[in-house]
Structures are given as C-alpha cells and as structure tokens.
C-alpha cells in the first residue's frame, strides 16, 4: 500500500511536469490581414513603380506580405519591419520618406509656396482694385489734348473720304 502511494505521487509529479510543458506552448496568434495591410500600405513595392505593397498583384509582393505576417507573428514591431525593408531595398520602399537631409524640404516647401502665392495674389488684387486718380479740373491739359486729337482725326477723315 505504501509502495502504491509513492508510485501514485510520483506519477502525479511526472504528469504535472508534462502539463506545464503543454501549457507553456501557447498557439502563436496569426496576424490579421488588416494588420499586415496596415504595414504593407506604408511600403512601396521595390519591383513595381509607385505601387503600394498592399495592392501590388505580383508574386514578389505576395511573398513580402507573407514575410510581414511572419514577422508580426514573431513579435516584430511596425518600425522594426519597416527598418528591415529599408535595409533590404533602400529608403525608396517607404511611402513616407524620413525627415532627414534634403527630405525635410518635401514637408516645408509646399506650405511656403502656398503662402508666397497667396501673398502675391493678395498684392495683385489690391493693385487691380486701387482707384485711378481723376484729373483735377475739367478744363485741364488732358481735355485740350483730347480736343486736339479729335480735331486732327476729323480733318484726316475729311481728306480721305
């Protein structure tokens, strides 16, 4: 009886060791298509010109999306995955270039150009709507020049017809 007692306790101990191993093996969660496409949308296909990775129909892009799915399953972060693709294919795979070097001009120049255009347009509109000064008196020099011009025009017309 004592022997049976010790055998049962030994069996329980061994069984508990195996159950802890089984409990430690959690199933790896499979990333959803939305998670994969969220990252793939931020990357461009290195093979096709100007095509985001999430909509590119080539086999290479399908393999890269599968690679993103595997990396997400392994616990990689979004930044680590993007950095991996930059190391493999260069900065051109990023949909949004990093804000370093001359790339910062991409973010600054459009607002500056829009503001400069608005300023030029504002100045032009003010100039176009500026009132034109009227002559001081009706019998001024302009009226005399106008009368002389009309007289010469009438004289020329009489000569021709």
N, C-alpha and C. Protein backbone atom coordinates (compact mmCIF):
# COMPACT_ATOMS: atom_id res chain seq x y z
N UNK A 1 0.82 -1.17 0.00
CA UNK A 1 0.00 0.00 0.00
C UNK A 1 0.88 1.25 0.00
N UNK A 2 1.89 1.21 0.79
CA UNK A 2 2.81 2.32 0.86
C UNK A 2 3.52 2.50 -0.48
N UNK A 3 3.84 1.39 -1.11
CA UNK A 3 4.50 1.42 -2.38
C UNK A 3 3.56 2.02 -3.44
N UNK A 4 2.31 1.67 -3.40
CA UNK A 4 1.31 2.19 -4.32
C UNK A 4 1.12 3.69 -4.11
N UNK A 5 1.16 4.11 -2.87
CA UNK A 5 1.02 5.53 -2.53
C UNK A 5 2.15 6.34 -3.15
N UNK A 6 3.38 5.84 -2.99
CA UNK A 6 4.54 6.55 -3.53
C UNK A 6 4.55 6.52 -5.06
N UNK A 7 4.10 5.46 -5.65
CA UNK A 7 4.02 5.39 -7.11
C UNK A 7 2.99 6.38 -7.66
N UNK A 8 1.87 6.51 -6.96
CA UNK A 8 0.84 7.46 -7.41
C UNK A 8 1.33 8.90 -7.26
N UNK A 9 2.05 9.19 -6.19
CA UNK A 9 2.60 10.54 -6.01
C UNK A 9 3.65 10.81 -7.08
N UNK A 10 4.49 9.86 -7.40
CA UNK A 10 5.49 10.00 -8.43
C UNK A 10 4.82 10.20 -9.80
N UNK A 11 3.75 9.49 -10.05
CA UNK A 11 3.02 9.63 -11.30
C UNK A 11 2.40 11.02 -11.40
N UNK A 12 1.87 11.55 -10.31
CA UNK A 12 1.30 12.90 -10.30
C UNK A 12 2.36 13.96 -10.56
N UNK A 13 3.53 13.77 -9.97
CA UNK A 13 4.62 14.73 -10.17
C UNK A 13 5.06 14.72 -11.63
N UNK A 14 5.22 13.54 -12.19
CA UNK A 14 5.63 13.43 -13.59
C UNK A 14 4.55 14.02 -14.51
N UNK A 15 3.30 13.73 -14.21
CA UNK A 15 2.20 14.27 -15.02
C UNK A 15 2.15 15.79 -14.93
N UNK A 16 2.40 16.33 -13.75
CA UNK A 16 2.38 17.81 -13.62
C UNK A 16 3.53 18.44 -14.40
N UNK A 17 4.66 17.77 -14.51
CA UNK A 17 5.76 18.30 -15.30
C UNK A 17 5.39 18.36 -16.78
N UNK A 18 4.74 17.37 -17.30
CA UNK A 18 4.36 17.36 -18.71
C UNK A 18 3.24 18.35 -19.00
N UNK A 19 2.34 18.57 -18.07
CA UNK A 19 1.26 19.53 -18.32
C UNK A 19 1.80 20.94 -18.34
N UNK A 20 2.82 21.22 -17.55
CA UNK A 20 3.39 22.58 -17.59
C UNK A 20 4.06 22.83 -18.94
N UNK A 21 4.64 21.80 -19.54
CA UNK A 21 5.24 21.95 -20.86
C UNK A 21 4.16 22.21 -21.89
N UNK A 22 3.07 21.50 -21.80
CA UNK A 22 1.97 21.67 -22.74
C UNK A 22 1.34 23.04 -22.56
N UNK A 23 1.18 23.52 -21.34
CA UNK A 23 0.58 24.83 -21.09
C UNK A 23 1.50 25.95 -21.55
N UNK A 24 2.79 25.74 -21.56
CA UNK A 24 3.73 26.76 -21.98
C UNK A 24 3.69 26.98 -23.48
N UNK A 25 3.20 26.01 -24.23
CA UNK A 25 3.15 26.14 -25.68
C UNK A 25 1.82 26.73 -26.10
N UNK A 26 1.75 28.05 -25.98
CA UNK A 26 0.56 28.77 -26.41
C UNK A 26 0.55 28.82 -27.94
N UNK A 27 -0.62 28.76 -28.55
CA UNK A 27 -0.64 28.91 -30.01
C UNK A 27 -0.23 30.33 -30.40
N UNK A 28 0.55 30.43 -31.46
CA UNK A 28 1.02 31.73 -31.93
C UNK A 28 -0.15 32.42 -32.63
N UNK A 29 -0.51 33.63 -32.16
CA UNK A 29 -1.63 34.31 -32.82
C UNK A 29 -1.24 34.72 -34.24
N UNK A 30 -2.13 34.45 -35.17
CA UNK A 30 -1.89 34.80 -36.56
C UNK A 30 -2.34 36.24 -36.79
N UNK A 31 -1.46 37.09 -37.30
CA UNK A 31 -1.86 38.48 -37.55
C UNK A 31 -2.96 38.54 -38.61
N UNK A 32 -3.87 39.46 -38.44
CA UNK A 32 -4.97 39.61 -39.39
C UNK A 32 -4.48 40.29 -40.66
N UNK A 33 -5.30 40.19 -41.71
CA UNK A 33 -4.96 40.85 -42.97
C UNK A 33 -4.91 42.36 -42.80
N UNK A 34 -5.75 42.90 -41.91
CA UNK A 34 -5.74 44.34 -41.67
C UNK A 34 -4.42 44.80 -41.08
N UNK A 35 -3.87 44.01 -40.15
CA UNK A 35 -2.58 44.37 -39.56
C UNK A 35 -1.47 44.31 -40.60
N UNK A 36 -1.50 43.29 -41.43
CA UNK A 36 -0.48 43.15 -42.48
C UNK A 36 -0.62 44.28 -43.48
N UNK A 37 -1.85 44.56 -43.92
CA UNK A 37 -2.07 45.61 -44.92
C UNK A 37 -1.78 47.00 -44.37
N UNK A 38 -1.95 47.19 -43.07
CA UNK A 38 -1.62 48.49 -42.48
C UNK A 38 -0.13 48.79 -42.66
N UNK A 39 0.69 47.80 -42.45
CA UNK A 39 2.14 47.99 -42.62
C UNK A 39 2.50 47.98 -44.11
N UNK A 40 1.88 47.09 -44.88
CA UNK A 40 2.19 46.99 -46.31
C UNK A 40 1.79 48.26 -47.05
N UNK A 41 0.77 48.97 -46.56
CA UNK A 41 0.34 50.22 -47.19
C UNK A 41 1.40 51.31 -47.04
N UNK A 42 2.23 51.20 -46.03
CA UNK A 42 3.27 52.19 -45.77
C UNK A 42 4.56 51.89 -46.53
N UNK A 43 4.56 50.80 -47.29
CA UNK A 43 5.73 50.40 -48.05
C UNK A 43 5.38 50.34 -49.53
N UNK A 44 6.33 50.69 -50.39
CA UNK A 44 6.15 50.58 -51.83
C UNK A 44 6.87 49.34 -52.33
N UNK A 45 6.32 48.78 -53.37
CA UNK A 45 6.92 47.60 -54.00
C UNK A 45 8.27 47.99 -54.59
N UNK A 46 9.35 47.29 -54.25
CA UNK A 46 10.65 47.61 -54.84
C UNK A 46 10.75 47.25 -56.32
N UNK A 47 9.84 46.40 -56.80
CA UNK A 47 9.88 45.96 -58.19
C UNK A 47 9.02 46.87 -59.08
N UNK A 48 7.77 47.09 -58.66
CA UNK A 48 6.83 47.91 -59.45
C UNK A 48 7.02 49.37 -59.09
N UNK A 49 6.80 50.25 -60.05
CA UNK A 49 6.98 51.68 -59.81
C UNK A 49 5.73 52.27 -59.16
N UNK A 50 5.91 52.95 -58.05
CA UNK A 50 4.85 53.69 -57.35
C UNK A 50 3.62 52.84 -57.05
N UNK A 51 3.81 51.62 -56.62
CA UNK A 51 2.70 50.75 -56.25
C UNK A 51 2.86 50.35 -54.79
N UNK A 52 1.87 50.69 -53.94
CA UNK A 52 1.96 50.26 -52.54
C UNK A 52 1.97 48.74 -52.44
N UNK A 53 2.66 48.25 -51.47
CA UNK A 53 2.85 46.82 -51.29
C UNK A 53 1.53 46.09 -51.01
N UNK A 54 0.57 46.78 -50.41
CA UNK A 54 -0.68 46.10 -50.06
C UNK A 54 -1.59 45.85 -51.26
N UNK A 55 -1.40 46.54 -52.38
CA UNK A 55 -2.26 46.34 -53.55
C UNK A 55 -1.51 45.79 -54.76
N UNK A 56 -0.23 45.58 -54.64
CA UNK A 56 0.56 45.10 -55.77
C UNK A 56 0.23 43.62 -56.03
N UNK A 57 -0.08 43.27 -57.29
CA UNK A 57 -0.51 41.90 -57.57
C UNK A 57 0.63 40.91 -57.86
N UNK A 58 1.87 41.34 -57.82
CA UNK A 58 2.97 40.45 -58.20
C UNK A 58 3.21 39.38 -57.13
N UNK A 59 3.84 38.29 -57.54
CA UNK A 59 4.18 37.21 -56.60
C UNK A 59 5.19 37.69 -55.56
N UNK A 60 6.11 38.55 -56.00
CA UNK A 60 7.11 39.07 -55.06
C UNK A 60 6.43 39.83 -53.92
N UNK A 61 5.44 40.64 -54.24
CA UNK A 61 4.74 41.40 -53.20
C UNK A 61 3.93 40.49 -52.30
N UNK A 62 3.35 39.43 -52.87
CA UNK A 62 2.62 38.47 -52.04
C UNK A 62 3.58 37.83 -51.05
N UNK A 63 4.79 37.50 -51.51
CA UNK A 63 5.79 36.91 -50.61
C UNK A 63 6.22 37.90 -49.55
N UNK A 64 6.34 39.17 -49.91
CA UNK A 64 6.73 40.18 -48.92
C UNK A 64 5.61 40.39 -47.89
N UNK A 65 4.34 40.33 -48.33
CA UNK A 65 3.24 40.42 -47.37
C UNK A 65 3.25 39.22 -46.43
N UNK A 66 3.57 38.02 -46.96
CA UNK A 66 3.69 36.84 -46.11
C UNK A 66 4.84 37.00 -45.12
N UNK A 67 5.93 37.62 -45.58
CA UNK A 67 7.06 37.88 -44.69
C UNK A 67 6.64 38.84 -43.57
N UNK A 68 5.86 39.87 -43.90
CA UNK A 68 5.38 40.80 -42.88
C UNK A 68 4.50 40.04 -41.89
N UNK A 69 3.65 39.14 -42.38
CA UNK A 69 2.79 38.34 -41.50
C UNK A 69 3.64 37.50 -40.54
N UNK A 70 4.71 36.87 -41.06
CA UNK A 70 5.59 36.05 -40.22
C UNK A 70 6.30 36.91 -39.18
N UNK A 71 6.77 38.08 -39.61
CA UNK A 71 7.47 38.96 -38.66
C UNK A 71 6.53 39.44 -37.56
N UNK A 72 5.29 39.76 -37.93
CA UNK A 72 4.32 40.15 -36.90
C UNK A 72 4.05 39.01 -35.94
N UNK A 73 3.96 37.78 -36.46
CA UNK A 73 3.73 36.61 -35.61
C UNK A 73 4.90 36.38 -34.67
N UNK A 74 6.09 36.75 -35.09
CA UNK A 74 7.28 36.59 -34.25
C UNK A 74 7.42 37.72 -33.23
N UNK A 75 6.53 38.72 -33.32
CA UNK A 75 6.55 39.80 -32.33
C UNK A 75 7.28 41.05 -32.78
N UNK A 76 7.60 41.16 -34.05
CA UNK A 76 8.27 42.35 -34.55
C UNK A 76 7.31 43.54 -34.49
N UNK A 77 7.84 44.71 -34.25
CA UNK A 77 7.02 45.92 -34.26
C UNK A 77 6.97 46.49 -35.68
N UNK A 78 6.07 47.43 -35.87
CA UNK A 78 5.92 48.08 -37.18
C UNK A 78 7.21 48.75 -37.61
N UNK A 79 7.86 49.45 -36.69
CA UNK A 79 9.11 50.14 -37.02
C UNK A 79 10.23 49.15 -37.38
N UNK A 80 10.28 48.02 -36.67
CA UNK A 80 11.30 47.03 -36.98
C UNK A 80 11.09 46.44 -38.38
N UNK A 81 9.83 46.21 -38.75
CA UNK A 81 9.54 45.65 -40.07
C UNK A 81 9.91 46.66 -41.16
N UNK A 82 9.55 47.93 -40.96
CA UNK A 82 9.89 48.95 -41.96
C UNK A 82 11.41 49.10 -42.06
N UNK A 83 12.10 49.05 -40.92
CA UNK A 83 13.55 49.16 -40.93
C UNK A 83 14.18 47.98 -41.67
N UNK A 84 13.60 46.79 -41.51
CA UNK A 84 14.09 45.61 -42.23
C UNK A 84 13.99 45.83 -43.74
N UNK A 85 12.84 46.33 -44.20
CA UNK A 85 12.67 46.56 -45.64
C UNK A 85 13.58 47.68 -46.14
N UNK A 86 13.84 48.69 -45.32
CA UNK A 86 14.76 49.76 -45.72
C UNK A 86 16.17 49.20 -45.85
N UNK A 87 16.57 48.32 -44.92
CA UNK A 87 17.90 47.73 -45.02
C UNK A 87 18.03 46.83 -46.25
N UNK A 88 16.95 46.15 -46.60
CA UNK A 88 16.99 45.24 -47.74
C UNK A 88 16.93 45.97 -49.09
N UNK A 89 16.05 46.99 -49.20
CA UNK A 89 15.76 47.58 -50.50
C UNK A 89 16.01 49.09 -50.58
N UNK A 90 16.40 49.71 -49.51
CA UNK A 90 16.69 51.14 -49.53
C UNK A 90 15.50 51.98 -49.09
N UNK A 91 15.72 53.28 -48.94
CA UNK A 91 14.70 54.20 -48.43
C UNK A 91 13.54 54.35 -49.42
N UNK A 92 13.74 54.02 -50.67
CA UNK A 92 12.71 54.20 -51.68
C UNK A 92 11.48 53.34 -51.44
N UNK A 93 11.56 52.31 -50.57
CA UNK A 93 10.40 51.47 -50.31
C UNK A 93 9.43 52.12 -49.33
N UNK A 94 9.85 53.17 -48.66
CA UNK A 94 8.96 53.84 -47.70
C UNK A 94 7.99 54.75 -48.43
N UNK A 95 6.72 54.68 -48.04
CA UNK A 95 5.71 55.56 -48.64
C UNK A 95 5.92 56.99 -48.17
N UNK A 96 6.40 57.17 -46.97
CA UNK A 96 6.68 58.50 -46.43
C UNK A 96 8.18 58.58 -46.13
N UNK A 97 8.92 59.38 -46.89
CA UNK A 97 10.36 59.43 -46.68
C UNK A 97 10.70 59.99 -45.30
N UNK A 98 11.83 59.57 -44.74
CA UNK A 98 12.21 60.09 -43.42
C UNK A 98 12.53 61.58 -43.49
N UNK A 99 12.32 62.28 -42.40
CA UNK A 99 12.51 63.73 -42.37
C UNK A 99 13.97 64.07 -42.01
N UNK A 100 14.87 63.63 -42.87
CA UNK A 100 16.29 63.91 -42.67
C UNK A 100 16.89 64.38 -43.99
N UNK A 101 18.00 65.10 -43.90
CA UNK A 101 18.68 65.57 -45.10
C UNK A 101 17.80 66.49 -45.93
N UNK A 102 17.82 66.29 -47.25
CA UNK A 102 17.01 67.12 -48.14
C UNK A 102 15.54 66.73 -48.11
N UNK A 103 15.19 65.60 -47.51
CA UNK A 103 13.80 65.17 -47.46
C UNK A 103 12.92 66.13 -46.66
N UNK A 104 13.49 66.88 -45.75
CA UNK A 104 12.68 67.81 -44.96
C UNK A 104 12.10 68.91 -45.83
N UNK A 105 12.72 69.15 -46.99
CA UNK A 105 12.18 70.15 -47.92
C UNK A 105 10.80 69.74 -48.44
N UNK A 106 10.56 68.44 -48.54
CA UNK A 106 9.26 67.95 -49.00
C UNK A 106 8.15 68.42 -48.07
N UNK A 107 8.46 68.54 -46.80
CA UNK A 107 7.46 68.92 -45.81
C UNK A 107 7.34 70.44 -45.66
N UNK A 108 8.39 71.18 -45.99
CA UNK A 108 8.40 72.62 -45.77
C UNK A 108 8.03 73.41 -47.03
N UNK A 109 8.51 72.99 -48.20
CA UNK A 109 8.31 73.77 -49.42
C UNK A 109 6.84 73.97 -49.81
N UNK A 110 5.98 72.96 -49.81
CA UNK A 110 4.59 73.21 -50.23
C UNK A 110 3.88 74.30 -49.42
N UNK A 111 3.94 74.31 -48.09
CA UNK A 111 3.28 75.41 -47.37
C UNK A 111 3.91 76.77 -47.68
N UNK A 112 5.24 76.81 -47.84
CA UNK A 112 5.91 78.08 -48.15
C UNK A 112 5.46 78.58 -49.52
N UNK A 113 5.37 77.69 -50.50
CA UNK A 113 4.95 78.09 -51.85
C UNK A 113 3.50 78.57 -51.83
N UNK A 114 2.65 77.90 -51.09
CA UNK A 114 1.24 78.31 -51.00
C UNK A 114 1.13 79.68 -50.34
N UNK A 115 1.87 79.92 -49.27
CA UNK A 115 1.84 81.23 -48.61
C UNK A 115 2.38 82.33 -49.52
N UNK A 116 3.46 82.05 -50.25
CA UNK A 116 4.02 83.05 -51.17
C UNK A 116 3.03 83.36 -52.29
N UNK A 117 2.37 82.34 -52.83
CA UNK A 117 1.36 82.55 -53.86
C UNK A 117 0.19 83.37 -53.36
N UNK A 118 -0.24 83.09 -52.13
CA UNK A 118 -1.35 83.86 -51.55
C UNK A 118 -0.95 85.32 -51.37
N UNK A 119 0.30 85.56 -50.96
CA UNK A 119 0.78 86.93 -50.78
C UNK A 119 0.81 87.68 -52.12
N UNK A 120 1.33 87.03 -53.16
CA UNK A 120 1.40 87.65 -54.49
C UNK A 120 0.00 87.93 -55.01
N UNK A 121 -0.92 86.98 -54.85
CA UNK A 121 -2.29 87.17 -55.29
C UNK A 121 -2.97 88.32 -54.53
N UNK A 122 -2.74 88.40 -53.24
CA UNK A 122 -3.31 89.48 -52.43
C UNK A 122 -2.80 90.84 -52.91
N UNK A 123 -1.49 90.93 -53.15
CA UNK A 123 -0.91 92.19 -53.63
C UNK A 123 -1.46 92.57 -55.01
N UNK A 124 -1.61 91.58 -55.90
CA UNK A 124 -2.13 91.86 -57.24
C UNK A 124 -3.58 92.33 -57.16
N UNK A 125 -4.38 91.69 -56.32
CA UNK A 125 -5.78 92.11 -56.19
C UNK A 125 -5.89 93.52 -55.62
N UNK A 126 -5.04 93.85 -54.68
CA UNK A 126 -5.06 95.22 -54.13
C UNK A 126 -4.68 96.24 -55.19
N UNK A 127 -3.72 95.89 -56.05
CA UNK A 127 -3.29 96.81 -57.09
C UNK A 127 -4.39 96.98 -58.15
N UNK A 128 -5.08 95.88 -58.48
CA UNK A 128 -6.11 95.95 -59.50
C UNK A 128 -7.34 96.74 -59.04
N UNK A 129 -7.61 96.68 -57.75
CA UNK A 129 -8.80 97.38 -57.24
C UNK A 129 -8.48 98.78 -56.74
N UNK A 130 -7.26 99.22 -56.92
CA UNK A 130 -6.86 100.56 -56.48
C UNK A 130 -7.54 101.59 -57.39
N UNK A 131 -8.17 102.62 -56.84
CA UNK A 131 -8.86 103.61 -57.68
C UNK A 131 -7.86 104.41 -58.50
N UNK A 132 -8.26 104.73 -59.73
CA UNK A 132 -7.42 105.51 -60.64
C UNK A 132 -7.66 106.99 -60.34
N UNK A 133 -6.61 107.80 -60.20
CA UNK A 133 -6.82 109.21 -59.90
C UNK A 133 -7.46 109.94 -61.09
N UNK A 134 -8.44 110.79 -60.78
CA UNK A 134 -9.16 111.57 -61.79
C UNK A 134 -8.47 112.93 -61.91
N UNK A 135 -8.52 113.52 -63.12
CA UNK A 135 -7.86 114.82 -63.32
C UNK A 135 -8.49 115.86 -62.39
N UNK A 136 -7.73 116.87 -62.08
CA UNK A 136 -8.15 117.86 -61.08
C UNK A 136 -9.28 118.75 -61.59
N UNK A 137 -9.18 119.26 -62.80
CA UNK A 137 -10.21 120.18 -63.30
C UNK A 137 -10.65 119.75 -64.69
N UNK A 138 -11.92 120.05 -65.07
CA UNK A 138 -12.39 119.63 -66.38
C UNK A 138 -11.66 120.35 -67.51
N UNK A 139 -11.20 121.53 -67.34
CA UNK A 139 -10.51 122.26 -68.41
C UNK A 139 -9.02 122.05 -68.34
N UNK A 140 -8.59 120.90 -67.91
CA UNK A 140 -7.15 120.67 -67.72
C UNK A 140 -6.48 120.36 -69.04
N UNK A 141 -5.23 120.04 -68.95
CA UNK A 141 -4.39 119.78 -70.11
C UNK A 141 -4.87 118.56 -70.88
N UNK A 142 -5.42 117.55 -70.19
CA UNK A 142 -5.90 116.33 -70.86
C UNK A 142 -7.06 116.64 -71.79
N UNK A 143 -7.96 117.50 -71.36
CA UNK A 143 -9.09 117.87 -72.22
C UNK A 143 -8.61 118.58 -73.48
N UNK A 144 -7.58 119.40 -73.35
CA UNK A 144 -7.05 120.11 -74.51
C UNK A 144 -6.42 119.13 -75.49
N UNK A 145 -5.67 118.15 -74.98
CA UNK A 145 -5.06 117.14 -75.85
C UNK A 145 -6.12 116.30 -76.53
N UNK A 146 -7.19 115.99 -75.81
CA UNK A 146 -8.26 115.19 -76.37
C UNK A 146 -8.98 115.95 -77.50
N UNK A 147 -9.24 117.22 -77.27
CA UNK A 147 -9.90 118.03 -78.29
C UNK A 147 -9.02 118.16 -79.53
N UNK A 148 -7.72 118.33 -79.33
CA UNK A 148 -6.80 118.44 -80.46
C UNK A 148 -6.76 117.14 -81.25
N UNK A 149 -6.77 116.02 -80.56
CA UNK A 149 -6.76 114.71 -81.21
C UNK A 149 -8.03 114.50 -82.03
N UNK A 150 -9.17 114.83 -81.48
CA UNK A 150 -10.44 114.68 -82.19
C UNK A 150 -10.46 115.58 -83.42
N UNK A 151 -9.95 116.78 -83.29
CA UNK A 151 -9.92 117.70 -84.43
C UNK A 151 -9.03 117.15 -85.54
N UNK A 152 -7.88 116.62 -85.21
CA UNK A 152 -6.98 116.06 -86.22
C UNK A 152 -7.60 114.83 -86.88
N UNK A 153 -8.29 114.00 -86.07
CA UNK A 153 -8.93 112.81 -86.60
C UNK A 153 -10.03 113.18 -87.60
N UNK A 154 -10.82 114.19 -87.27
CA UNK A 154 -11.88 114.62 -88.18
C UNK A 154 -11.30 115.19 -89.47
N UNK A 155 -10.21 115.93 -89.34
CA UNK A 155 -9.56 116.51 -90.52
C UNK A 155 -9.03 115.41 -91.43
N UNK A 156 -8.41 114.37 -90.89
CA UNK A 156 -7.89 113.26 -91.67
C UNK A 156 -9.01 112.50 -92.36
N UNK A 157 -10.12 112.32 -91.65
CA UNK A 157 -11.25 111.62 -92.25
C UNK A 157 -11.86 112.39 -93.40
N UNK A 158 -11.89 113.72 -93.31
CA UNK A 158 -12.42 114.55 -94.39
C UNK A 158 -11.53 114.46 -95.63
N UNK A 159 -10.22 114.37 -95.43
CA UNK A 159 -9.29 114.31 -96.54
C UNK A 159 -9.47 112.97 -97.28
N UNK A 160 -9.67 111.91 -96.61
CA UNK A 160 -9.73 110.57 -97.22
C UNK A 160 -11.07 110.31 -97.88
N UNK A 161 -12.14 110.84 -97.41
CA UNK A 161 -13.46 110.50 -97.96
C UNK A 161 -14.08 111.67 -98.57
